[in-house]
Amino acid sequence: MDKTRKVRNRWVNVRMNEDKLEKLEANRKKTTERNNSDYIRKLAFNQPIKMLTRDASLDALTNELFDYEKN
């Protein structure tokens, strides 16, 4: 392995009010990103972000199976 890892050694600070921070965190929680830094980094460099989705039909099936298992 000759690949050397590039160390992130520069800081970029962003100031925002509570409302904007809450909106940022709410949007990040809809993705697979674990922290705001990774989320903002991907947004800044136009990298793809994986969004979490729910399948309503699968939820309904899961609930039915769970109810069936209880009985």
PDB file of N, CA and C in Angstrom:
ATOM      1  N   MET A   1       0.826  -1.177   0.000  1.00  0.00           N
ATOM      2  CA  MET A   1       0.000   0.000   0.000  1.00  0.00           C
ATOM      3  C   MET A   1       0.872   1.243   0.000  1.00  0.00           C
ATOM      4  N   ASP A   2       0.972   1.874  -1.135  1.00  0.00           N
ATOM      5  CA  ASP A   2       1.760   3.084  -1.232  1.00  0.00           C
ATOM      6  C   ASP A   2       0.931   4.345  -1.058  1.00  0.00           C
ATOM      7  N   LYS A   3      -0.363   4.182  -0.881  1.00  0.00           N
ATOM      8  CA  LYS A   3      -1.220   5.352  -0.740  1.00  0.00           C
ATOM      9  C   LYS A   3      -0.970   6.007   0.621  1.00  0.00           C
ATOM     10  N   THR A   4      -0.736   7.301   0.585  1.00  0.00           N
ATOM     11  CA  THR A   4      -0.595   8.031   1.835  1.00  0.00           C
ATOM     12  C   THR A   4      -1.891   8.774   2.109  1.00  0.00           C
ATOM     13  N   ARG A   5      -2.265   8.786   3.331  1.00  0.00           N
ATOM     14  CA  ARG A   5      -3.517   9.411   3.720  1.00  0.00           C
ATOM     15  C   ARG A   5      -3.286  10.909   3.927  1.00  0.00           C
ATOM     16  N   LYS A   6      -4.144  11.710   3.325  1.00  0.00           N
ATOM     17  CA  LYS A   6      -4.046  13.151   3.498  1.00  0.00           C
ATOM     18  C   LYS A   6      -4.723  13.537   4.806  1.00  0.00           C
ATOM     19  N   VAL A   7      -3.977  14.211   5.640  1.00  0.00           N
ATOM     20  CA  VAL A   7      -4.478  14.616   6.942  1.00  0.00           C
ATOM     21  C   VAL A   7      -5.210  15.943   6.813  1.00  0.00           C
ATOM     22  N   ARG A   8      -6.364  16.017   7.433  1.00  0.00           N
ATOM     23  CA  ARG A   8      -7.126  17.276   7.447  1.00  0.00           C
ATOM     24  C   ARG A   8      -6.574  18.124   8.584  1.00  0.00           C
ATOM     25  N   ASN A   9      -5.799  19.129   8.229  1.00  0.00           N
ATOM     26  CA  ASN A   9      -5.170  19.937   9.265  1.00  0.00           C
ATOM     27  C   ASN A   9      -5.562  21.413   9.199  1.00  0.00           C
ATOM     28  N   ARG A  10      -6.577  21.750   8.436  1.00  0.00           N
ATOM     29  CA  ARG A  10      -7.064  23.127   8.332  1.00  0.00           C
ATOM     30  C   ARG A  10      -8.500  23.185   8.833  1.00  0.00           C
ATOM     31  N   TRP A  11      -8.816  24.265   9.511  1.00  0.00           N
ATOM     32  CA  TRP A  11     -10.154  24.461  10.050  1.00  0.00           C
ATOM     33  C   TRP A  11     -10.899  25.505   9.237  1.00  0.00           C
ATOM     34  N   VAL A  12     -12.193  25.283   9.052  1.00  0.00           N
ATOM     35  CA  VAL A  12     -13.095  26.260   8.457  1.00  0.00           C
ATOM     36  C   VAL A  12     -14.260  26.396   9.425  1.00  0.00           C
ATOM     37  N   ASN A  13     -14.454  27.580   9.947  1.00  0.00           N
ATOM     38  CA  ASN A  13     -15.530  27.812  10.916  1.00  0.00           C
ATOM     39  C   ASN A  13     -16.700  28.497  10.242  1.00  0.00           C
ATOM     40  N   VAL A  14     -17.888  28.065  10.591  1.00  0.00           N
ATOM     41  CA  VAL A  14     -19.108  28.648  10.060  1.00  0.00           C
ATOM     42  C   VAL A  14     -19.973  29.042  11.248  1.00  0.00           C
ATOM     43  N   ARG A  15     -20.423  30.264  11.246  1.00  0.00           N
ATOM     44  CA  ARG A  15     -21.289  30.738  12.323  1.00  0.00           C
ATOM     45  C   ARG A  15     -22.728  30.779  11.817  1.00  0.00           C
ATOM     46  N   MET A  16     -23.651  30.307  12.660  1.00  0.00           N
ATOM     47  CA  MET A  16     -25.068  30.351  12.299  1.00  0.00           C
ATOM     48  C   MET A  16     -25.893  30.416  13.568  1.00  0.00           C
ATOM     49  N   ASN A  17     -27.134  30.844  13.418  1.00  0.00           N
ATOM     50  CA  ASN A  17     -28.007  30.919  14.588  1.00  0.00           C
ATOM     51  C   ASN A  17     -28.609  29.538  14.874  1.00  0.00           C
ATOM     52  N   GLU A  18     -29.306  29.446  15.993  1.00  0.00           N
ATOM     53  CA  GLU A  18     -29.865  28.160  16.431  1.00  0.00           C
ATOM     54  C   GLU A  18     -30.834  27.563  15.412  1.00  0.00           C
ATOM     55  N   ASP A  19     -31.654  28.412  14.794  1.00  0.00           N
ATOM     56  CA  ASP A  19     -32.632  27.915  13.822  1.00  0.00           C
ATOM     57  C   ASP A  19     -31.942  27.232  12.649  1.00  0.00           C
ATOM     58  N   LYS A  20     -30.899  27.868  12.125  1.00  0.00           N
ATOM     59  CA  LYS A  20     -30.177  27.302  10.983  1.00  0.00           C
ATOM     60  C   LYS A  20     -29.451  26.024  11.383  1.00  0.00           C
ATOM     61  N   LEU A  21     -28.888  26.002  12.588  1.00  0.00           N
ATOM     62  CA  LEU A  21     -28.192  24.804  13.056  1.00  0.00           C
ATOM     63  C   LEU A  21     -29.167  23.641  13.208  1.00  0.00           C
ATOM     64  N   GLU A  22     -30.338  23.906  13.754  1.00  0.00           N
ATOM     65  CA  GLU A  22     -31.350  22.855  13.895  1.00  0.00           C
ATOM     66  C   GLU A  22     -31.786  22.333  12.535  1.00  0.00           C
ATOM     67  N   LYS A  23     -31.936  23.230  11.565  1.00  0.00           N
ATOM     68  CA  LYS A  23     -32.322  22.815  10.213  1.00  0.00           C
ATOM     69  C   LYS A  23     -31.207  21.976   9.577  1.00  0.00           C
ATOM     70  N   LEU A  24     -29.954  22.394   9.768  1.00  0.00           N
ATOM     71  CA  LEU A  24     -28.812  21.639   9.245  1.00  0.00           C
ATOM     72  C   LEU A  24     -28.789  20.232   9.837  1.00  0.00           C
ATOM     73  N   GLU A  25     -28.957  20.141  11.152  1.00  0.00           N
ATOM     74  CA  GLU A  25     -28.927  18.833  11.807  1.00  0.00           C
ATOM     75  C   GLU A  25     -30.108  17.961  11.392  1.00  0.00           C
ATOM     76  N   ALA A  26     -31.270  18.573  11.215  1.00  0.00           N
ATOM     77  CA  ALA A  26     -32.444  17.811  10.768  1.00  0.00           C
ATOM     78  C   ALA A  26     -32.213  17.253   9.364  1.00  0.00           C
ATOM     79  N   ASN A  27     -31.632  18.048   8.487  1.00  0.00           N
ATOM     80  CA  ASN A  27     -31.331  17.578   7.133  1.00  0.00           C
ATOM     81  C   ASN A  27     -30.266  16.489   7.151  1.00  0.00           C
ATOM     82  N   ARG A  28     -29.253  16.638   8.005  1.00  0.00           N
ATOM     83  CA  ARG A  28     -28.199  15.624   8.092  1.00  0.00           C
ATOM     84  C   ARG A  28     -28.748  14.297   8.606  1.00  0.00           C
ATOM     85  N   LYS A  29     -29.687  14.358   9.533  1.00  0.00           N
ATOM     86  CA  LYS A  29     -30.258  13.132  10.102  1.00  0.00           C
ATOM     87  C   LYS A  29     -31.061  12.338   9.082  1.00  0.00           C
ATOM     88  N   LYS A  30     -31.420  12.962   7.968  1.00  0.00           N
ATOM     89  CA  LYS A  30     -32.119  12.258   6.893  1.00  0.00           C
ATOM     90  C   LYS A  30     -31.143  11.532   5.978  1.00  0.00           C
ATOM     91  N   THR A  31     -29.844  11.652   6.259  1.00  0.00           N
ATOM     92  CA  THR A  31     -28.818  11.030   5.441  1.00  0.00           C
ATOM     93  C   THR A  31     -28.099   9.947   6.238  1.00  0.00           C
ATOM     94  N   THR A  32     -27.107   9.336   5.609  1.00  0.00           N
ATOM     95  CA  THR A  32     -26.300   8.333   6.290  1.00  0.00           C
ATOM     96  C   THR A  32     -25.079   8.936   6.970  1.00  0.00           C
ATOM     97  N   GLU A  33     -24.904  10.251   6.864  1.00  0.00           N
ATOM     98  CA  GLU A  33     -23.750  10.907   7.484  1.00  0.00           C
ATOM     99  C   GLU A  33     -23.915  10.920   8.996  1.00  0.00           C
ATOM    100  N   ARG A  34     -22.825  10.623   9.708  1.00  0.00           N
ATOM    101  CA  ARG A  34     -22.894  10.522  11.164  1.00  0.00           C
ATOM    102  C   ARG A  34     -22.653  11.846  11.882  1.00  0.00           C
ATOM    103  N   ASN A  35     -21.982  12.789  11.222  1.00  0.00           N
ATOM    104  CA  ASN A  35     -21.723  14.060  11.892  1.00  0.00           C
ATOM    105  C   ASN A  35     -21.850  15.220  10.906  1.00  0.00           C
ATOM    106  N   ASN A  36     -21.975  16.419  11.472  1.00  0.00           N
ATOM    107  CA  ASN A  36     -22.166  17.601  10.651  1.00  0.00           C
ATOM    108  C   ASN A  36     -20.958  17.891   9.772  1.00  0.00           C
ATOM    109  N   SER A  37     -19.756  17.618  10.264  1.00  0.00           N
ATOM    110  CA  SER A  37     -18.538  17.911   9.496  1.00  0.00           C
ATOM    111  C   SER A  37     -18.518  17.152   8.174  1.00  0.00           C
ATOM    112  N   ASP A  38     -18.787  15.861   8.231  1.00  0.00           N
ATOM    113  CA  ASP A  38     -18.801  15.067   6.995  1.00  0.00           C
ATOM    114  C   ASP A  38     -19.910  15.516   6.056  1.00  0.00           C
ATOM    115  N   TYR A  39     -21.062  15.833   6.629  1.00  0.00           N
ATOM    116  CA  TYR A  39     -22.209  16.291   5.829  1.00  0.00           C
ATOM    117  C   TYR A  39     -21.879  17.606   5.123  1.00  0.00           C
ATOM    118  N   ILE A  40     -21.352  18.569   5.850  1.00  0.00           N
ATOM    119  CA  ILE A  40     -21.018  19.869   5.268  1.00  0.00           C
ATOM    120  C   ILE A  40     -19.905  19.735   4.238  1.00  0.00           C
ATOM    121  N   ARG A  41     -18.920  18.874   4.513  1.00  0.00           N
ATOM    122  CA  ARG A  41     -17.822  18.649   3.572  1.00  0.00           C
ATOM    123  C   ARG A  41     -18.356  18.120   2.244  1.00  0.00           C
ATOM    124  N   LYS A  42     -19.267  17.170   2.308  1.00  0.00           N
ATOM    125  CA  LYS A  42     -19.844  16.620   1.071  1.00  0.00           C
ATOM    126  C   LYS A  42     -20.681  17.654   0.333  1.00  0.00           C
ATOM    127  N   LEU A  43     -21.426  18.464   1.078  1.00  0.00           N
ATOM    128  CA  LEU A  43     -22.200  19.526   0.439  1.00  0.00           C
ATOM    129  C   LEU A  43     -21.281  20.528  -0.255  1.00  0.00           C
ATOM    130  N   ALA A  44     -20.197  20.901   0.420  1.00  0.00           N
ATOM    131  CA  ALA A  44     -19.289  21.923  -0.112  1.00  0.00           C
ATOM    132  C   ALA A  44     -18.617  21.479  -1.405  1.00  0.00           C
ATOM    133  N   PHE A  45     -18.335  20.194  -1.523  1.00  0.00           N
ATOM    134  CA  PHE A  45     -17.615  19.697  -2.699  1.00  0.00           C
ATOM    135  C   PHE A  45     -18.502  18.931  -3.672  1.00  0.00           C
ATOM    136  N   ASN A  46     -19.821  19.116  -3.547  1.00  0.00           N
ATOM    137  CA  ASN A  46     -20.794  18.494  -4.448  1.00  0.00           C
ATOM    138  C   ASN A  46     -20.614  16.987  -4.571  1.00  0.00           C
ATOM    139  N   GLN A  47     -20.305  16.344  -3.463  1.00  0.00           N
ATOM    140  CA  GLN A  47     -20.181  14.891  -3.450  1.00  0.00           C
ATOM    141  C   GLN A  47     -21.555  14.288  -3.177  1.00  0.00           C
ATOM    142  N   PRO A  48     -21.787  13.079  -3.648  1.00  0.00           N
ATOM    143  CA  PRO A  48     -23.105  12.465  -3.429  1.00  0.00           C
ATOM    144  C   PRO A  48     -23.359  12.192  -1.952  1.00  0.00           C
ATOM    145  N   ILE A  49     -24.604  12.392  -1.561  1.00  0.00           N
ATOM    146  CA  ILE A  49     -25.034  12.149  -0.186  1.00  0.00           C
ATOM    147  C   ILE A  49     -26.141  11.104  -0.242  1.00  0.00           C
ATOM    148  N   LYS A  50     -25.983  10.036   0.524  1.00  0.00           N
ATOM    149  CA  LYS A  50     -26.999   8.985   0.563  1.00  0.00           C
ATOM    150  C   LYS A  50     -28.098   9.379   1.525  1.00  0.00           C
ATOM    151  N   MET A  51     -29.312   9.383   1.008  1.00  0.00           N
ATOM    152  CA  MET A  51     -30.476   9.747   1.813  1.00  0.00           C
ATOM    153  C   MET A  51     -31.137   8.484   2.357  1.00  0.00           C
ATOM    154  N   LEU A  52     -31.647   8.583   3.566  1.00  0.00           N
ATOM    155  CA  LEU A  52     -32.397   7.480   4.158  1.00  0.00           C
ATOM    156  C   LEU A  52     -33.843   7.579   3.694  1.00  0.00           C
ATOM    157  N   THR A  53     -34.423   6.456   3.328  1.00  0.00           N
ATOM    158  CA  THR A  53     -35.824   6.440   2.913  1.00  0.00           C
ATOM    159  C   THR A  53     -36.553   5.336   3.669  1.00  0.00           C
ATOM    160  N   ARG A  54     -37.850   5.502   3.788  1.00  0.00           N
ATOM    161  CA  ARG A  54     -38.682   4.497   4.430  1.00  0.00           C
ATOM    162  C   ARG A  54     -39.624   3.915   3.389  1.00  0.00           C
ATOM    163  N   ASP A  55     -39.796   2.630   3.443  1.00  0.00           N
ATOM    164  CA  ASP A  55     -40.707   1.947   2.539  1.00  0.00           C
ATOM    165  C   ASP A  55     -41.988   1.650   3.311  1.00  0.00           C
ATOM    166  N   ALA A  56     -43.048   2.388   3.003  1.00  0.00           N
ATOM    167  CA  ALA A  56     -44.307   2.255   3.739  1.00  0.00           C
ATOM    168  C   ALA A  56     -44.889   0.850   3.627  1.00  0.00           C
ATOM    169  N   SER A  57     -44.777   0.230   2.462  1.00  0.00           N
ATOM    170  CA  SER A  57     -45.335  -1.112   2.306  1.00  0.00           C
ATOM    171  C   SER A  57     -44.551  -2.124   3.149  1.00  0.00           C
ATOM    172  N   LEU A  58     -43.232  -1.944   3.238  1.00  0.00           N
ATOM    173  CA  LEU A  58     -42.431  -2.829   4.079  1.00  0.00           C
ATOM    174  C   LEU A  58     -42.754  -2.599   5.554  1.00  0.00           C
ATOM    175  N   ASP A  59     -42.990  -1.342   5.939  1.00  0.00           N
ATOM    176  CA  ASP A  59     -43.392  -1.052   7.316  1.00  0.00           C
ATOM    177  C   ASP A  59     -44.704  -1.739   7.654  1.00  0.00           C
ATOM    178  N   ALA A  60     -45.661  -1.692   6.737  1.00  0.00           N
ATOM    179  CA  ALA A  60     -46.955  -2.325   6.970  1.00  0.00           C
ATOM    180  C   ALA A  60     -46.789  -3.836   7.125  1.00  0.00           C
ATOM    181  N   LEU A  61     -45.982  -4.444   6.265  1.00  0.00           N
ATOM    182  CA  LEU A  61     -45.734  -5.883   6.352  1.00  0.00           C
ATOM    183  C   LEU A  61     -45.053  -6.239   7.668  1.00  0.00           C
ATOM    184  N   THR A  62     -44.072  -5.444   8.068  1.00  0.00           N
ATOM    185  CA  THR A  62     -43.368  -5.684   9.329  1.00  0.00           C
ATOM    186  C   THR A  62     -44.328  -5.606  10.507  1.00  0.00           C
ATOM    187  N   ASN A  63     -45.208  -4.610  10.489  1.00  0.00           N
ATOM    188  CA  ASN A  63     -46.192  -4.479  11.571  1.00  0.00           C
ATOM    189  C   ASN A  63     -47.133  -5.665  11.609  1.00  0.00           C
ATOM    190  N   GLU A  64     -47.575  -6.131  10.449  1.00  0.00           N
ATOM    191  CA  GLU A  64     -48.458  -7.304  10.402  1.00  0.00           C
ATOM    192  C   GLU A  64     -47.758  -8.543  10.932  1.00  0.00           C
ATOM    193  N   LEU A  65     -46.513  -8.732  10.535  1.00  0.00           N
ATOM    194  CA  LEU A  65     -45.761  -9.894  11.019  1.00  0.00           C
ATOM    195  C   LEU A  65     -45.534  -9.806  12.523  1.00  0.00           C
ATOM    196  N   PHE A  66     -45.266  -8.627  13.012  1.00  0.00           N
ATOM    197  CA  PHE A  66     -45.060  -8.433  14.440  1.00  0.00           C
ATOM    198  C   PHE A  66     -46.347  -8.737  15.196  1.00  0.00           C
ATOM    199  N   ASP A  67     -47.472  -8.258  14.683  1.00  0.00           N
ATOM    200  CA  ASP A  67     -48.764  -8.541  15.316  1.00  0.00           C
ATOM    201  C   ASP A  67     -49.065 -10.035  15.271  1.00  0.00           C
ATOM    202  N   TYR A  68     -48.753 -10.678  14.153  1.00  0.00           N
ATOM    203  CA  TYR A  68     -48.982 -12.117  14.003  1.00  0.00           C
ATOM    204  C   TYR A  68     -48.145 -12.891  15.010  1.00  0.00           C
ATOM    205  N   GLU A  69     -46.923 -12.456  15.224  1.00  0.00           N
ATOM    206  CA  GLU A  69     -46.018 -13.136  16.141  1.00  0.00           C
ATOM    207  C   GLU A  69     -46.520 -13.027  17.587  1.00  0.00           C
ATOM    208  N   LYS A  70     -47.162 -11.910  17.915  1.00  0.00           N
ATOM    209  CA  LYS A  70     -47.683 -11.720  19.270  1.00  0.00           C
ATOM    210  C   LYS A  70     -48.792 -12.719  19.589  1.00  0.00           C
ATOM    211  N   ASN A  71     -49.590 -13.063  18.571  1.00  0.00           N
ATOM    212  CA  ASN A  71     -50.742 -13.958  18.788  1.00  0.00           C
ATOM    213  C   ASN A  71     -50.332 -15.356  18.696  1.00  0.00           C
TER     214      ASN A  71
END
